[in-house]
Full PDB file with SEQRES, HELIX, SHEET, SSBOND, CRYST1, ORIGX, SCALE, CONECT and MASTER records, all heavy atoms in Angstrom:
SEQRES   1 A   40  GLU LYS THR ILE PRO SER GLY LEU GLU ASN THR ASP ALA          
SEQRES   2 A   40  HIS PHE GLU GLN MET GLU ALA LYS SER GLN GLN PRO ALA          
SEQRES   3 A   40  LYS GLU LEU ARG LYS ASP GLY ASP PRO GLU GLY ALA PHE          
SEQRES   4 A   40  LYS                                                          
HELIX    1 AA1 THR A   11  SER A   22  1                                  12    
HELIX    2 AA2 PRO A   35  PHE A   39  1                                   5    
CRYST1    1.000    1.000    1.000  90.00  90.00  90.00 P 1           1          
ORIGX1      1.000000  0.000000  0.000000        0.00000                         
ORIGX2      0.000000  1.000000  0.000000        0.00000                         
ORIGX3      0.000000  0.000000  1.000000        0.00000                         
SCALE1      1.000000  0.000000  0.000000        0.00000                         
SCALE2      0.000000  1.000000  0.000000        0.00000                         
SCALE3      0.000000  0.000000  1.000000        0.00000                         
ATOM      1  N   GLU A   1      -3.244 -14.753  15.123  1.00  0.00           N  
ATOM      2  CA  GLU A   1      -3.053 -15.710  14.070  1.00  0.00           C  
ATOM      3  C   GLU A   1      -2.587 -15.048  12.770  1.00  0.00           C  
ATOM      4  O   GLU A   1      -3.052 -13.972  12.485  1.00  0.00           O  
ATOM      5  CB  GLU A   1      -4.361 -16.487  13.803  1.00  0.00           C  
ATOM      6  CG  GLU A   1      -4.802 -17.374  14.972  1.00  0.00           C  
ATOM      7  CD  GLU A   1      -6.000 -18.258  14.646  1.00  0.00           C  
ATOM      8  OE1 GLU A   1      -6.603 -18.036  13.555  1.00  0.00           O  
ATOM      9  OE2 GLU A   1      -6.265 -19.171  15.412  1.00  0.00           O  
ATOM     10  N   LYS A   2      -1.675 -15.718  12.133  1.00  0.00           N  
ATOM     11  CA  LYS A   2      -1.137 -15.171  10.863  1.00  0.00           C  
ATOM     12  C   LYS A   2      -1.389 -16.121   9.735  1.00  0.00           C  
ATOM     13  O   LYS A   2      -1.091 -17.347   9.854  1.00  0.00           O  
ATOM     14  CB  LYS A   2       0.387 -14.924  11.085  1.00  0.00           C  
ATOM     15  CG  LYS A   2       1.127 -14.362   9.839  1.00  0.00           C  
ATOM     16  CD  LYS A   2       2.580 -14.242  10.101  1.00  0.00           C  
ATOM     17  CE  LYS A   2       3.274 -13.635   8.892  1.00  0.00           C  
ATOM     18  NZ  LYS A   2       4.748 -13.510   9.139  1.00  0.00           N  
ATOM     19  N   THR A   3      -1.912 -15.608   8.655  1.00  0.00           N  
ATOM     20  CA  THR A   3      -2.141 -16.452   7.481  1.00  0.00           C  
ATOM     21  C   THR A   3      -0.931 -16.513   6.627  1.00  0.00           C  
ATOM     22  O   THR A   3      -0.355 -15.475   6.242  1.00  0.00           O  
ATOM     23  CB  THR A   3      -3.310 -15.875   6.642  1.00  0.00           C  
ATOM     24  OG1 THR A   3      -4.517 -15.863   7.452  1.00  0.00           O  
ATOM     25  CG2 THR A   3      -3.607 -16.703   5.403  1.00  0.00           C  
ATOM     26  N   ILE A   4      -0.527 -17.716   6.253  1.00  0.00           N  
ATOM     27  CA  ILE A   4       0.584 -17.925   5.361  1.00  0.00           C  
ATOM     28  C   ILE A   4       0.030 -18.353   3.995  1.00  0.00           C  
ATOM     29  O   ILE A   4      -0.519 -19.440   3.836  1.00  0.00           O  
ATOM     30  CB  ILE A   4       1.550 -19.074   5.863  1.00  0.00           C  
ATOM     31  CG1 ILE A   4       1.911 -18.813   7.332  1.00  0.00           C  
ATOM     32  CG2 ILE A   4       2.764 -19.137   5.004  1.00  0.00           C  
ATOM     33  CD1 ILE A   4       2.630 -17.548   7.618  1.00  0.00           C  
ATOM     34  N   PRO A   5       0.188 -17.464   2.973  1.00  0.00           N  
ATOM     35  CA  PRO A   5      -0.504 -17.762   1.719  1.00  0.00           C  
ATOM     36  C   PRO A   5       0.261 -18.817   0.895  1.00  0.00           C  
ATOM     37  O   PRO A   5       1.449 -19.074   1.099  1.00  0.00           O  
ATOM     38  CB  PRO A   5      -0.421 -16.428   0.974  1.00  0.00           C  
ATOM     39  CG  PRO A   5       0.775 -15.729   1.527  1.00  0.00           C  
ATOM     40  CD  PRO A   5       0.873 -16.195   2.963  1.00  0.00           C  
ATOM     41  N   SER A   6      -0.407 -19.479   0.019  1.00  0.00           N  
ATOM     42  CA  SER A   6       0.193 -20.451  -0.891  1.00  0.00           C  
ATOM     43  C   SER A   6       0.714 -19.743  -2.111  1.00  0.00           C  
ATOM     44  O   SER A   6       0.525 -18.509  -2.250  1.00  0.00           O  
ATOM     45  CB  SER A   6      -0.796 -21.535  -1.266  1.00  0.00           C  
ATOM     46  OG  SER A   6      -1.872 -20.886  -1.985  1.00  0.00           O  
ATOM     47  N   GLY A   7       1.423 -20.422  -2.916  1.00  0.00           N  
ATOM     48  CA  GLY A   7       1.831 -19.847  -4.204  1.00  0.00           C  
ATOM     49  C   GLY A   7       3.333 -19.713  -4.295  1.00  0.00           C  
ATOM     50  O   GLY A   7       4.050 -19.763  -3.272  1.00  0.00           O  
ATOM     51  N   LEU A   8       3.919 -19.613  -5.536  1.00  0.00           N  
ATOM     52  CA  LEU A   8       5.282 -19.442  -5.807  1.00  0.00           C  
ATOM     53  C   LEU A   8       5.482 -18.022  -6.319  1.00  0.00           C  
ATOM     54  O   LEU A   8       5.038 -17.720  -7.406  1.00  0.00           O  
ATOM     55  CB  LEU A   8       5.748 -20.504  -6.794  1.00  0.00           C  
ATOM     56  CG  LEU A   8       5.506 -21.971  -6.440  1.00  0.00           C  
ATOM     57  CD1 LEU A   8       5.927 -22.954  -7.561  1.00  0.00           C  
ATOM     58  CD2 LEU A   8       6.165 -22.329  -5.116  1.00  0.00           C  
ATOM     59  N   GLU A   9       6.193 -17.258  -5.565  1.00  0.00           N  
ATOM     60  CA  GLU A   9       6.272 -15.770  -5.794  1.00  0.00           C  
ATOM     61  C   GLU A   9       7.440 -15.344  -6.702  1.00  0.00           C  
ATOM     62  O   GLU A   9       8.400 -16.095  -6.728  1.00  0.00           O  
ATOM     63  CB  GLU A   9       6.289 -15.025  -4.485  1.00  0.00           C  
ATOM     64  CG  GLU A   9       5.101 -15.371  -3.567  1.00  0.00           C  
ATOM     65  CD  GLU A   9       5.104 -14.603  -2.263  1.00  0.00           C  
ATOM     66  OE1 GLU A   9       5.777 -13.499  -2.195  1.00  0.00           O  
ATOM     67  OE2 GLU A   9       4.459 -15.056  -1.307  1.00  0.00           O  
ATOM     68  N   ASN A  10       7.260 -14.209  -7.336  1.00  0.00           N  
ATOM     69  CA  ASN A  10       8.249 -13.734  -8.288  1.00  0.00           C  
ATOM     70  C   ASN A  10       8.540 -12.283  -7.993  1.00  0.00           C  
ATOM     71  O   ASN A  10       7.644 -11.436  -7.696  1.00  0.00           O  
ATOM     72  CB  ASN A  10       7.746 -13.858  -9.705  1.00  0.00           C  
ATOM     73  CG  ASN A  10       7.644 -15.289 -10.157  1.00  0.00           C  
ATOM     74  OD1 ASN A  10       8.630 -15.960 -10.519  1.00  0.00           O  
ATOM     75  ND2 ASN A  10       6.386 -15.864 -10.091  1.00  0.00           N  
ATOM     76  N   THR A  11       9.812 -11.899  -8.145  1.00  0.00           N  
ATOM     77  CA  THR A  11      10.226 -10.550  -7.910  1.00  0.00           C  
ATOM     78  C   THR A  11       9.528  -9.538  -8.823  1.00  0.00           C  
ATOM     79  O   THR A  11       9.057  -8.485  -8.314  1.00  0.00           O  
ATOM     80  CB  THR A  11      11.753 -10.391  -8.031  1.00  0.00           C  
ATOM     81  OG1 THR A  11      12.285 -11.128  -6.942  1.00  0.00           O  
ATOM     82  CG2 THR A  11      12.158  -8.936  -7.890  1.00  0.00           C  
ATOM     83  N   ASP A  12       9.417  -9.844 -10.094  1.00  0.00           N  
ATOM     84  CA  ASP A  12       8.790  -8.883 -10.971  1.00  0.00           C  
ATOM     85  C   ASP A  12       7.352  -8.635 -10.555  1.00  0.00           C  
ATOM     86  O   ASP A  12       6.855  -7.458 -10.558  1.00  0.00           O  
ATOM     87  CB  ASP A  12       8.819  -9.405 -12.427  1.00  0.00           C  
ATOM     88  CG  ASP A  12      10.212  -9.368 -13.049  1.00  0.00           C  
ATOM     89  OD1 ASP A  12      11.043  -8.635 -12.468  1.00  0.00           O  
ATOM     90  OD2 ASP A  12      10.443 -10.013 -14.076  1.00  0.00           O  
ATOM     91  N   ALA A  13       6.589  -9.690 -10.208  1.00  0.00           N  
ATOM     92  CA  ALA A  13       5.219  -9.545  -9.742  1.00  0.00           C  
ATOM     93  C   ALA A  13       5.167  -8.792  -8.433  1.00  0.00           C  
ATOM     94  O   ALA A  13       4.247  -8.022  -8.193  1.00  0.00           O  
ATOM     95  CB  ALA A  13       4.631 -10.940  -9.569  1.00  0.00           C  
ATOM     96  N   HIS A  14       6.209  -8.923  -7.550  1.00  0.00           N  
ATOM     97  CA  HIS A  14       6.181  -8.220  -6.312  1.00  0.00           C  
ATOM     98  C   HIS A  14       6.138  -6.692  -6.555  1.00  0.00           C  
ATOM     99  O   HIS A  14       5.331  -5.957  -5.919  1.00  0.00           O  
ATOM    100  CB  HIS A  14       7.475  -8.552  -5.494  1.00  0.00           C  
ATOM    101  CG  HIS A  14       7.478  -9.829  -4.822  1.00  0.00           C  
ATOM    102  ND1 HIS A  14       8.577 -10.507  -4.393  1.00  0.00           N  
ATOM    103  CD2 HIS A  14       6.422 -10.642  -4.428  1.00  0.00           C  
ATOM    104  CE1 HIS A  14       8.266 -11.667  -3.814  1.00  0.00           C  
ATOM    105  NE2 HIS A  14       6.953 -11.761  -3.843  1.00  0.00           N  
ATOM    106  N   PHE A  15       6.981  -6.213  -7.435  1.00  0.00           N  
ATOM    107  CA  PHE A  15       7.017  -4.766  -7.637  1.00  0.00           C  
ATOM    108  C   PHE A  15       5.759  -4.280  -8.341  1.00  0.00           C  
ATOM    109  O   PHE A  15       5.313  -3.162  -8.093  1.00  0.00           O  
ATOM    110  CB  PHE A  15       8.329  -4.416  -8.404  1.00  0.00           C  
ATOM    111  CG  PHE A  15       9.513  -4.419  -7.547  1.00  0.00           C  
ATOM    112  CD1 PHE A  15      10.436  -5.461  -7.630  1.00  0.00           C  
ATOM    113  CD2 PHE A  15       9.774  -3.416  -6.678  1.00  0.00           C  
ATOM    114  CE1 PHE A  15      11.567  -5.546  -6.785  1.00  0.00           C  
ATOM    115  CE2 PHE A  15      10.892  -3.472  -5.849  1.00  0.00           C  
ATOM    116  CZ  PHE A  15      11.812  -4.526  -5.906  1.00  0.00           C  
ATOM    117  N   GLU A  16       5.189  -5.109  -9.184  1.00  0.00           N  
ATOM    118  CA  GLU A  16       3.905  -4.691  -9.822  1.00  0.00           C  
ATOM    119  C   GLU A  16       2.779  -4.602  -8.756  1.00  0.00           C  
ATOM    120  O   GLU A  16       1.991  -3.716  -8.714  1.00  0.00           O  
ATOM    121  CB  GLU A  16       3.553  -5.728 -10.919  1.00  0.00           C  
ATOM    122  CG  GLU A  16       4.434  -5.705 -12.125  1.00  0.00           C  
ATOM    123  CD  GLU A  16       4.145  -6.813 -13.118  1.00  0.00           C  
ATOM    124  OE1 GLU A  16       3.191  -7.605 -12.815  1.00  0.00           O  
ATOM    125  OE2 GLU A  16       4.826  -6.917 -14.129  1.00  0.00           O  
ATOM    126  N   GLN A  17       2.834  -5.654  -7.853  1.00  0.00           N  
ATOM    127  CA  GLN A  17       1.765  -5.647  -6.785  1.00  0.00           C  
ATOM    128  C   GLN A  17       1.941  -4.444  -5.848  1.00  0.00           C  
ATOM    129  O   GLN A  17       0.968  -3.814  -5.466  1.00  0.00           O  
ATOM    130  CB  GLN A  17       1.919  -6.909  -5.969  1.00  0.00           C  
ATOM    131  CG  GLN A  17       1.502  -8.201  -6.771  1.00  0.00           C  
ATOM    132  CD  GLN A  17       2.013  -9.469  -6.077  1.00  0.00           C  
ATOM    133  OE1 GLN A  17       2.470  -9.419  -4.970  1.00  0.00           O  
ATOM    134  NE2 GLN A  17       1.878 -10.586  -6.780  1.00  0.00           N  
ATOM    135  N   MET A  18       3.215  -4.086  -5.545  1.00  0.00           N  
ATOM    136  CA  MET A  18       3.391  -2.976  -4.611  1.00  0.00           C  
ATOM    137  C   MET A  18       2.994  -1.630  -5.261  1.00  0.00           C  
ATOM    138  O   MET A  18       2.356  -0.751  -4.613  1.00  0.00           O  
ATOM    139  CB  MET A  18       4.893  -2.937  -4.184  1.00  0.00           C  
ATOM    140  CG  MET A  18       5.245  -4.046  -3.217  1.00  0.00           C  
ATOM    141  SD  MET A  18       6.818  -3.783  -2.349  1.00  0.00           S  
ATOM    142  CE  MET A  18       7.970  -3.997  -3.734  1.00  0.00           C  
ATOM    143  N   GLU A  19       3.293  -1.512  -6.562  1.00  0.00           N  
ATOM    144  CA  GLU A  19       2.882  -0.237  -7.238  1.00  0.00           C  
ATOM    145  C   GLU A  19       1.403  -0.161  -7.288  1.00  0.00           C  
ATOM    146  O   GLU A  19       0.834   0.871  -7.047  1.00  0.00           O  
ATOM    147  CB  GLU A  19       3.497  -0.263  -8.652  1.00  0.00           C  
ATOM    148  CG  GLU A  19       3.060   0.961  -9.474  1.00  0.00           C  
ATOM    149  CD  GLU A  19       3.453   2.280  -8.892  1.00  0.00           C  
ATOM    150  OE1 GLU A  19       4.474   2.360  -8.183  1.00  0.00           O  
ATOM    151  OE2 GLU A  19       2.713   3.298  -9.025  1.00  0.00           O  
ATOM    152  N   ALA A  20       0.722  -1.303  -7.564  1.00  0.00           N  
ATOM    153  CA  ALA A  20      -0.749  -1.280  -7.589  1.00  0.00           C  
ATOM    154  C   ALA A  20      -1.294  -0.946  -6.247  1.00  0.00           C  
ATOM    155  O   ALA A  20      -2.246  -0.206  -6.065  1.00  0.00           O  
ATOM    156  CB  ALA A  20      -1.331  -2.647  -8.100  1.00  0.00           C  
ATOM    157  N   LYS A  21      -0.722  -1.552  -5.187  1.00  0.00           N  
ATOM    158  CA  LYS A  21      -1.195  -1.348  -3.870  1.00  0.00           C  
ATOM    159  C   LYS A  21      -1.031   0.104  -3.412  1.00  0.00           C  
ATOM    160  O   LYS A  21      -1.911   0.691  -2.695  1.00  0.00           O  
ATOM    161  CB  LYS A  21      -0.482  -2.269  -2.862  1.00  0.00           C  
ATOM    162  CG  LYS A  21      -0.989  -2.263  -1.437  1.00  0.00           C  
ATOM    163  CD  LYS A  21      -2.256  -3.096  -1.363  1.00  0.00           C  
ATOM    164  CE  LYS A  21      -2.663  -3.322   0.054  1.00  0.00           C  
ATOM    165  NZ  LYS A  21      -3.945  -4.087   0.212  1.00  0.00           N  
ATOM    166  N   SER A  22       0.023   0.724  -3.878  1.00  0.00           N  
ATOM    167  CA  SER A  22       0.281   2.134  -3.541  1.00  0.00           C  
ATOM    168  C   SER A  22      -0.753   3.097  -4.073  1.00  0.00           C  
ATOM    169  O   SER A  22      -0.868   4.225  -3.647  1.00  0.00           O  
ATOM    170  CB  SER A  22       1.664   2.555  -3.954  1.00  0.00           C  
ATOM    171  OG  SER A  22       1.666   2.717  -5.384  1.00  0.00           O  
ATOM    172  N   GLN A  23      -1.485   2.613  -5.022  1.00  0.00           N  
ATOM    173  CA  GLN A  23      -2.534   3.499  -5.656  1.00  0.00           C  
ATOM    174  C   GLN A  23      -3.879   3.329  -4.939  1.00  0.00           C  
ATOM    175  O   GLN A  23      -4.802   4.107  -5.201  1.00  0.00           O  
ATOM    176  CB  GLN A  23      -2.708   3.104  -7.147  1.00  0.00           C  
ATOM    177  CG  GLN A  23      -1.520   3.085  -8.005  1.00  0.00           C  
ATOM    178  CD  GLN A  23      -0.867   4.493  -8.170  1.00  0.00           C  
ATOM    179  OE1 GLN A  23      -1.631   5.480  -8.056  1.00  0.00           O  
ATOM    180  NE2 GLN A  23       0.426   4.504  -8.394  1.00  0.00           N  
ATOM    181  N   GLN A  24      -4.000   2.432  -4.022  1.00  0.00           N  
ATOM    182  CA  GLN A  24      -5.214   2.113  -3.295  1.00  0.00           C  
ATOM    183  C   GLN A  24      -5.217   2.845  -1.955  1.00  0.00           C  
ATOM    184  O   GLN A  24      -4.158   3.281  -1.407  1.00  0.00           O  
ATOM    185  CB  GLN A  24      -5.368   0.583  -3.087  1.00  0.00           C  
ATOM    186  CG  GLN A  24      -5.392  -0.195  -4.451  1.00  0.00           C  
ATOM    187  CD  GLN A  24      -5.351  -1.714  -4.186  1.00  0.00           C  
ATOM    188  OE1 GLN A  24      -5.431  -2.123  -3.020  1.00  0.00           O  
ATOM    189  NE2 GLN A  24      -5.067  -2.428  -5.237  1.00  0.00           N  
ATOM    190  N   PRO A  25      -6.400   3.022  -1.361  1.00  0.00           N  
ATOM    191  CA  PRO A  25      -6.502   3.546  -0.027  1.00  0.00           C  
ATOM    192  C   PRO A  25      -5.677   2.760   0.970  1.00  0.00           C  
ATOM    193  O   PRO A  25      -5.566   1.570   0.845  1.00  0.00           O  
ATOM    194  CB  PRO A  25      -8.003   3.515   0.308  1.00  0.00           C  
ATOM    195  CG  PRO A  25      -8.673   3.471  -1.010  1.00  0.00           C  
ATOM    196  CD  PRO A  25      -7.753   2.694  -1.921  1.00  0.00           C  
ATOM    197  N   ALA A  26      -5.091   3.461   1.955  1.00  0.00           N  
ATOM    198  CA  ALA A  26      -4.187   2.800   2.881  1.00  0.00           C  
ATOM    199  C   ALA A  26      -4.585   3.197   4.293  1.00  0.00           C  
ATOM    200  O   ALA A  26      -5.421   4.036   4.569  1.00  0.00           O  
ATOM    201  CB  ALA A  26      -2.720   3.215   2.632  1.00  0.00           C  
ATOM    202  N   LYS A  27      -3.907   2.572   5.259  1.00  0.00           N  
ATOM    203  CA  LYS A  27      -4.207   2.813   6.666  1.00  0.00           C  
ATOM    204  C   LYS A  27      -3.598   4.133   7.102  1.00  0.00           C  
ATOM    205  O   LYS A  27      -2.329   4.293   6.948  1.00  0.00           O  
ATOM    206  CB  LYS A  27      -3.698   1.669   7.510  1.00  0.00           C  
ATOM    207  CG  LYS A  27      -3.907   1.824   9.018  1.00  0.00           C  
ATOM    208  CD  LYS A  27      -3.315   0.697   9.807  1.00  0.00           C  
ATOM    209  CE  LYS A  27      -3.530   0.836  11.265  1.00  0.00           C  
ATOM    210  NZ  LYS A  27      -2.878  -0.265  12.065  1.00  0.00           N  
ATOM    211  N   GLU A  28      -4.338   5.021   7.649  1.00  0.00           N  
ATOM    212  CA  GLU A  28      -3.809   6.268   8.133  1.00  0.00           C  
ATOM    213  C   GLU A  28      -3.157   6.079   9.459  1.00  0.00           C  
ATOM    214  O   GLU A  28      -3.678   5.572  10.434  1.00  0.00           O  
ATOM    215  CB  GLU A  28      -4.914   7.314   8.284  1.00  0.00           C  
ATOM    216  CG  GLU A  28      -4.401   8.710   8.766  1.00  0.00           C  
ATOM    217  CD  GLU A  28      -5.551   9.663   8.904  1.00  0.00           C  
ATOM    218  OE1 GLU A  28      -6.276   9.981   7.883  1.00  0.00           O  
ATOM    219  OE2 GLU A  28      -5.840  10.091  10.070  1.00  0.00           O  
ATOM    220  N   LEU A  29      -1.869   6.465   9.585  1.00  0.00           N  
ATOM    221  CA  LEU A  29      -1.118   6.369  10.777  1.00  0.00           C  
ATOM    222  C   LEU A  29      -0.990   7.665  11.570  1.00  0.00           C  
ATOM    223  O   LEU A  29      -0.992   7.633  12.806  1.00  0.00           O  
ATOM    224  CB  LEU A  29       0.323   5.804  10.545  1.00  0.00           C  
ATOM    225  CG  LEU A  29       0.444   4.477   9.791  1.00  0.00           C  
ATOM    226  CD1 LEU A  29       1.929   4.199   9.498  1.00  0.00           C  
ATOM    227  CD2 LEU A  29      -0.170   3.382  10.583  1.00  0.00           C  
ATOM    228  N   ARG A  30      -0.959   8.763  10.865  1.00  0.00           N  
ATOM    229  CA  ARG A  30      -0.824  10.085  11.531  1.00  0.00           C  
ATOM    230  C   ARG A  30      -1.242  11.136  10.558  1.00  0.00           C  
ATOM    231  O   ARG A  30      -0.933  11.096   9.364  1.00  0.00           O  
ATOM    232  CB  ARG A  30       0.602  10.312  12.012  1.00  0.00           C  
ATOM    233  CG  ARG A  30       0.767  11.821  12.612  1.00  0.00           C  
ATOM    234  CD  ARG A  30       2.070  11.948  13.282  1.00  0.00           C  
ATOM    235  NE  ARG A  30       2.381  13.338  13.588  1.00  0.00           N  
ATOM    236  CZ  ARG A  30       3.275  13.800  14.431  1.00  0.00           C  
ATOM    237  NH1 ARG A  30       4.074  12.900  15.075  1.00  0.00           N  
ATOM    238  NH2 ARG A  30       3.464  15.078  14.705  1.00  0.00           N  
ATOM    239  N   LYS A  31      -2.010  12.138  11.060  1.00  0.00           N  
ATOM    240  CA  LYS A  31      -2.429  13.225  10.263  1.00  0.00           C  
ATOM    241  C   LYS A  31      -2.399  14.507  11.019  1.00  0.00           C  
ATOM    242  O   LYS A  31      -2.983  14.631  12.085  1.00  0.00           O  
ATOM    243  CB  LYS A  31      -3.842  12.994   9.674  1.00  0.00           C  
ATOM    244  CG  LYS A  31      -4.391  14.109   8.741  1.00  0.00           C  
ATOM    245  CD  LYS A  31      -5.744  13.716   8.200  1.00  0.00           C  
ATOM    246  CE  LYS A  31      -6.232  14.772   7.227  1.00  0.00           C  
ATOM    247  NZ  LYS A  31      -7.549  14.402   6.674  1.00  0.00           N  
ATOM    248  N   ASP A  32      -1.620  15.498  10.585  1.00  0.00           N  
ATOM    249  CA  ASP A  32      -1.573  16.833  11.196  1.00  0.00           C  
ATOM    250  C   ASP A  32      -2.084  17.863  10.179  1.00  0.00           C  
ATOM    251  O   ASP A  32      -1.775  17.801   8.992  1.00  0.00           O  
ATOM    252  CB  ASP A  32      -0.165  17.199  11.518  1.00  0.00           C  
ATOM    253  CG  ASP A  32       0.469  16.262  12.574  1.00  0.00           C  
ATOM    254  OD1 ASP A  32      -0.278  15.734  13.396  1.00  0.00           O  
ATOM    255  OD2 ASP A  32       1.699  16.073  12.531  1.00  0.00           O  
ATOM    256  N   GLY A  33      -2.918  18.812  10.665  1.00  0.00           N  
ATOM    257  CA  GLY A  33      -3.410  19.837   9.777  1.00  0.00           C  
ATOM    258  C   GLY A  33      -4.368  19.400   8.749  1.00  0.00           C  
ATOM    259  O   GLY A  33      -5.101  18.413   8.895  1.00  0.00           O  
ATOM    260  N   ASP A  34      -4.214  20.005   7.566  1.00  0.00           N  
ATOM    261  CA  ASP A  34      -5.082  19.705   6.385  1.00  0.00           C  
ATOM    262  C   ASP A  34      -4.172  19.440   5.172  1.00  0.00           C  
ATOM    263  O   ASP A  34      -4.036  20.300   4.325  1.00  0.00           O  
ATOM    264  CB  ASP A  34      -6.049  20.908   6.135  1.00  0.00           C  
ATOM    265  CG  ASP A  34      -6.901  20.676   4.918  1.00  0.00           C  
ATOM    266  OD1 ASP A  34      -7.109  19.517   4.503  1.00  0.00           O  
ATOM    267  OD2 ASP A  34      -7.419  21.672   4.393  1.00  0.00           O  
ATOM    268  N   PRO A  35      -3.616  18.214   5.065  1.00  0.00           N  
ATOM    269  CA  PRO A  35      -2.700  17.905   3.975  1.00  0.00           C  
ATOM    270  C   PRO A  35      -3.383  18.069   2.631  1.00  0.00           C  
ATOM    271  O   PRO A  35      -2.835  18.616   1.701  1.00  0.00           O  
ATOM    272  CB  PRO A  35      -2.255  16.446   4.249  1.00  0.00           C  
ATOM    273  CG  PRO A  35      -2.545  16.262   5.694  1.00  0.00           C  
ATOM    274  CD  PRO A  35      -3.698  17.091   6.044  1.00  0.00           C  
ATOM    275  N   GLU A  36      -4.653  17.633   2.507  1.00  0.00           N  
ATOM    276  CA  GLU A  36      -5.323  17.691   1.213  1.00  0.00           C  
ATOM    277  C   GLU A  36      -5.440  19.118   0.732  1.00  0.00           C  
ATOM    278  O   GLU A  36      -5.208  19.445  -0.414  1.00  0.00           O  
ATOM    279  CB  GLU A  36      -6.717  17.033   1.342  1.00  0.00           C  
ATOM    280  CG  GLU A  36      -6.659  15.518   1.585  1.00  0.00           C  
ATOM    281  CD  GLU A  36      -6.574  15.174   3.077  1.00  0.00           C  
ATOM    282  OE1 GLU A  36      -6.428  16.134   3.908  1.00  0.00           O  
ATOM    283  OE2 GLU A  36      -6.685  14.016   3.383  1.00  0.00           O  
ATOM    284  N   GLY A  37      -5.844  20.021   1.668  1.00  0.00           N  
ATOM    285  CA  GLY A  37      -6.010  21.418   1.330  1.00  0.00           C  
ATOM    286  C   GLY A  37      -4.640  22.038   0.954  1.00  0.00           C  
ATOM    287  O   GLY A  37      -4.569  22.842   0.017  1.00  0.00           O  
ATOM    288  N   ALA A  38      -3.625  21.718   1.697  1.00  0.00           N  
ATOM    289  CA  ALA A  38      -2.290  22.282   1.431  1.00  0.00           C  
ATOM    290  C   ALA A  38      -1.776  21.880   0.055  1.00  0.00           C  
ATOM    291  O   ALA A  38      -1.210  22.676  -0.642  1.00  0.00           O  
ATOM    292  CB  ALA A  38      -1.321  21.839   2.519  1.00  0.00           C  
ATOM    293  N   PHE A  39      -1.965  20.635  -0.284  1.00  0.00           N  
ATOM    294  CA  PHE A  39      -1.546  20.199  -1.633  1.00  0.00           C  
ATOM    295  C   PHE A  39      -2.350  20.803  -2.739  1.00  0.00           C  
ATOM    296  O   PHE A  39      -1.856  21.167  -3.797  1.00  0.00           O  
ATOM    297  CB  PHE A  39      -1.596  18.698  -1.753  1.00  0.00           C  
ATOM    298  CG  PHE A  39      -0.407  17.955  -1.102  1.00  0.00           C  
ATOM    299  CD1 PHE A  39      -0.509  17.299   0.033  1.00  0.00           C  
ATOM    300  CD2 PHE A  39       0.790  17.942  -1.776  1.00  0.00           C  
ATOM    301  CE1 PHE A  39       0.560  16.655   0.640  1.00  0.00           C  
ATOM    302  CE2 PHE A  39       1.930  17.339  -1.237  1.00  0.00           C  
ATOM    303  CZ  PHE A  39       1.830  16.689  -0.010  1.00  0.00           C  
ATOM    304  N   LYS A  40      -3.644  21.061  -2.445  1.00  0.00           N  
ATOM    305  CA  LYS A  40      -4.534  21.685  -3.428  1.00  0.00           C  
ATOM    306  C   LYS A  40      -4.080  23.076  -3.718  1.00  0.00           C  
ATOM    307  O   LYS A  40      -4.170  23.619  -4.818  1.00  0.00           O  
ATOM    308  CB  LYS A  40      -5.945  21.655  -2.973  1.00  0.00           C  
ATOM    309  CG  LYS A  40      -6.960  22.177  -3.947  1.00  0.00           C  
ATOM    310  CD  LYS A  40      -8.375  22.077  -3.348  1.00  0.00           C  
ATOM    311  CE  LYS A  40      -9.399  22.601  -4.317  1.00  0.00           C  
ATOM    312  NZ  LYS A  40     -10.819  22.497  -3.820  1.00  0.00           N  
TER     313      LYS A  40                                                      
MASTER        0    0    0    2    0    0    0    6  312    1    0    4          
END                                                                             
């Protein structure tokens, strides 16, 4: 089942929402080695 949200969407808001979402935890798809340690 797929939820279709209500509302009238705007491009400016889209990019603000995507930038905000990119700062939040995300779904891990693949992890090799120790990325956190390597960046540190």
